[in-house]
């Protein structure tokens, strides 16, 4: 009788493995199909005018060859009524070969004090495919009222 129970347990484990493995593979495939997310960090987040701020955007997750995120136009809105745009000159997209850019770094100078919302848009044509924001606080520096 003990032998029969062991066989039943092996059969149940084998059946469970058949269910788990395809589900895990399907979940992994779906994860690769998801669009990446975009994060933005400004350093320093608090500074004195005039302030030179370094902003780093990172594209996380998704497939390396995600066509929608391949070779986007990068548009920065600085919150000080100025914008910057960069368009890359990329080779035509090839599935399985083309790779998306994962990191964008840029520097911007804020001449006046204030709170600024920096916004990054990754665009394909006129369509924003991802956006991220960061806040920067620029305090009065030397030569500004209230500055030291």
Protein backbone atom coordinates (compact mmCIF):
# COMPACT_ATOMS: atom_id res chain seq x y z
CA UNK A 1 0.00 0.00 0.00
CA UNK A 2 2.89 2.36 0.71
CA UNK A 3 4.16 1.89 -2.85
CA UNK A 4 0.83 2.95 -4.33
CA UNK A 5 0.78 6.19 -2.27
CA UNK A 6 4.29 7.08 -3.44
CA UNK A 7 3.30 6.57 -7.07
CA UNK A 8 0.27 8.80 -6.59
CA UNK A 9 2.45 11.52 -5.05
CA UNK A 10 4.92 11.34 -7.94
CA UNK A 11 2.06 11.58 -10.43
CA UNK A 12 0.63 14.63 -8.65
CA UNK A 13 4.05 16.33 -8.52
CA UNK A 14 4.65 15.65 -12.21
CA UNK A 15 1.21 17.04 -13.09
CA UNK A 16 1.84 20.13 -10.92
CA UNK A 17 5.17 20.73 -12.65
CA UNK A 18 3.44 20.57 -16.03
CA UNK A 19 1.09 23.33 -14.87
CA UNK A 20 3.73 25.52 -13.19
CA UNK A 21 6.39 25.53 -15.92
CA UNK A 22 4.16 26.80 -18.76
CA UNK A 23 2.68 29.46 -16.44
CA UNK A 24 6.17 30.64 -15.45
CA UNK A 25 7.27 30.77 -19.08
CA UNK A 26 4.12 32.65 -20.05
CA UNK A 27 4.64 35.17 -17.22
CA UNK A 28 8.26 35.71 -18.30
CA UNK A 29 7.19 36.23 -21.92
CA UNK A 30 4.49 38.69 -20.88
CA UNK A 31 7.01 40.58 -18.72
CA UNK A 32 9.30 40.97 -21.71
CA UNK A 33 6.40 42.36 -23.75
CA UNK A 34 5.56 45.02 -21.17
CA UNK A 35 6.66 48.53 -21.94
CA UNK A 36 9.57 49.81 -19.91
CA UNK A 37 9.07 52.40 -17.17
CA UNK A 38 10.89 55.71 -16.96
CA UNK A 39 12.45 57.25 -13.85
CA UNK A 40 14.03 60.67 -13.44
CA UNK A 41 16.46 61.99 -10.82
CA UNK A 42 17.82 65.53 -10.50
CA UNK A 43 21.01 66.19 -8.53
CA UNK A 44 21.24 68.22 -6.42
CA UNK A 45 17.53 68.48 -5.66
CA UNK A 46 18.15 71.65 -3.63
CA UNK A 47 20.74 74.24 -4.65
CA UNK A 48 21.53 77.96 -4.78
CA UNK A 49 21.13 80.18 -7.85
CA UNK A 50 22.69 80.01 -10.30
CA UNK A 51 22.37 76.23 -10.05
CA UNK A 52 23.82 73.63 -12.39
CA UNK A 53 21.64 70.50 -12.13
CA UNK A 54 22.45 67.07 -13.56
CA UNK A 55 19.39 65.06 -14.56
CA UNK A 56 19.51 61.32 -15.19
CA UNK A 57 16.64 59.37 -16.75
CA UNK A 58 16.59 55.59 -16.70
CA UNK A 59 14.44 53.27 -18.77
CA UNK A 60 13.76 50.15 -16.69
CA UNK A 61 12.19 46.83 -17.61
CA UNK A 62 10.72 45.68 -20.88
CA UNK A 63 12.48 43.99 -23.77
CA UNK A 64 15.85 45.23 -25.01
CA UNK A 65 14.44 45.43 -28.54
CA UNK A 66 11.14 47.17 -27.66
CA UNK A 67 10.24 48.81 -30.96
CA UNK A 68 8.16 51.60 -29.43
CA UNK A 69 11.08 52.69 -27.21
CA UNK A 70 13.71 52.36 -29.94
CA UNK A 71 15.22 55.68 -31.02
CA UNK A 72 12.71 58.10 -29.46
CA UNK A 73 12.79 61.87 -29.58
CA UNK A 74 13.80 63.10 -26.12
CA UNK A 75 12.13 66.29 -24.94
CA UNK A 76 13.05 68.04 -21.68
CA UNK A 77 10.74 70.67 -20.17
CA UNK A 78 12.77 72.49 -17.53
CA UNK A 79 10.00 74.31 -15.66
CA UNK A 80 11.77 77.64 -16.27
CA UNK A 81 9.98 78.26 -19.59
CA UNK A 82 12.75 76.58 -21.59
CA UNK A 83 12.85 73.23 -23.36
CA UNK A 84 15.51 71.04 -24.95
CA UNK A 85 14.95 68.41 -27.63
CA UNK A 86 17.25 65.68 -28.89
CA UNK A 87 16.61 63.48 -31.90
CA UNK A 88 18.91 60.52 -32.43
CA UNK A 89 20.08 59.33 -35.82
CA UNK A 90 19.43 55.59 -35.55
CA UNK A 91 19.65 52.65 -37.88
CA UNK A 92 16.28 51.20 -38.98
CA UNK A 93 14.66 49.03 -36.31
CA UNK A 94 15.36 45.28 -36.49
CA UNK A 95 13.44 42.94 -34.18
CA UNK A 96 15.79 40.93 -31.97
CA UNK A 97 18.78 43.08 -32.95
CA UNK A 98 18.02 46.74 -32.20
CA UNK A 99 18.45 47.77 -28.57
CA UNK A 100 16.77 50.59 -26.70
CA UNK A 101 18.79 53.25 -24.93
CA UNK A 102 18.48 52.79 -21.16
CA UNK A 103 20.04 56.00 -19.80
CA UNK A 104 19.84 59.69 -20.68
CA UNK A 105 21.98 62.26 -18.84
CA UNK A 106 21.82 66.01 -19.31
CA UNK A 107 22.81 69.15 -17.44
CA UNK A 108 20.78 72.34 -17.09
CA UNK A 109 21.49 75.67 -15.43
CA UNK A 110 18.79 77.45 -13.47
CA UNK A 111 19.76 81.13 -13.26
CA UNK A 112 16.96 82.23 -10.95
CA UNK A 113 15.60 80.92 -7.66
CA UNK A 114 12.33 78.99 -7.57
CA UNK A 115 10.72 75.57 -7.55
CA UNK A 116 11.03 73.82 -10.89
CA UNK A 117 9.29 70.71 -12.18
CA UNK A 118 11.52 69.02 -14.74
CA UNK A 119 9.60 66.84 -17.16
CA UNK A 120 11.06 64.33 -19.59
CA UNK A 121 9.04 63.01 -22.50
CA UNK A 122 10.11 60.15 -24.74
CA UNK A 123 8.21 60.54 -28.00
CA UNK A 124 7.56 58.68 -31.24
CA UNK A 125 6.35 61.25 -33.70
CA UNK A 126 3.92 63.46 -31.78
CA UNK A 127 2.95 60.69 -29.33
CA UNK A 128 4.47 60.62 -25.83
CA UNK A 129 5.39 57.00 -25.06
CA UNK A 130 6.77 57.67 -21.57
CA UNK A 131 7.08 60.61 -19.21
CA UNK A 132 8.73 61.25 -15.86
CA UNK A 133 9.08 64.22 -13.52
CA UNK A 134 11.54 65.50 -10.94
CA UNK A 135 11.39 68.54 -8.68
CA UNK A 136 14.24 70.96 -8.07
CA UNK A 137 14.37 73.74 -5.49
CA UNK A 138 16.73 76.63 -6.29
CA UNK A 139 17.23 79.11 -3.46
CA UNK A 140 18.51 82.68 -3.78
CA UNK A 141 22.29 82.73 -4.03
CA UNK A 142 24.76 85.58 -3.65
CA UNK A 143 23.52 88.73 -5.30
CA UNK A 144 19.82 87.82 -4.98
CA UNK A 145 17.48 89.44 -2.45
CA UNK A 146 17.45 87.11 0.53
CA UNK A 147 20.71 85.47 -0.59
CA UNK A 148 23.86 85.56 1.50
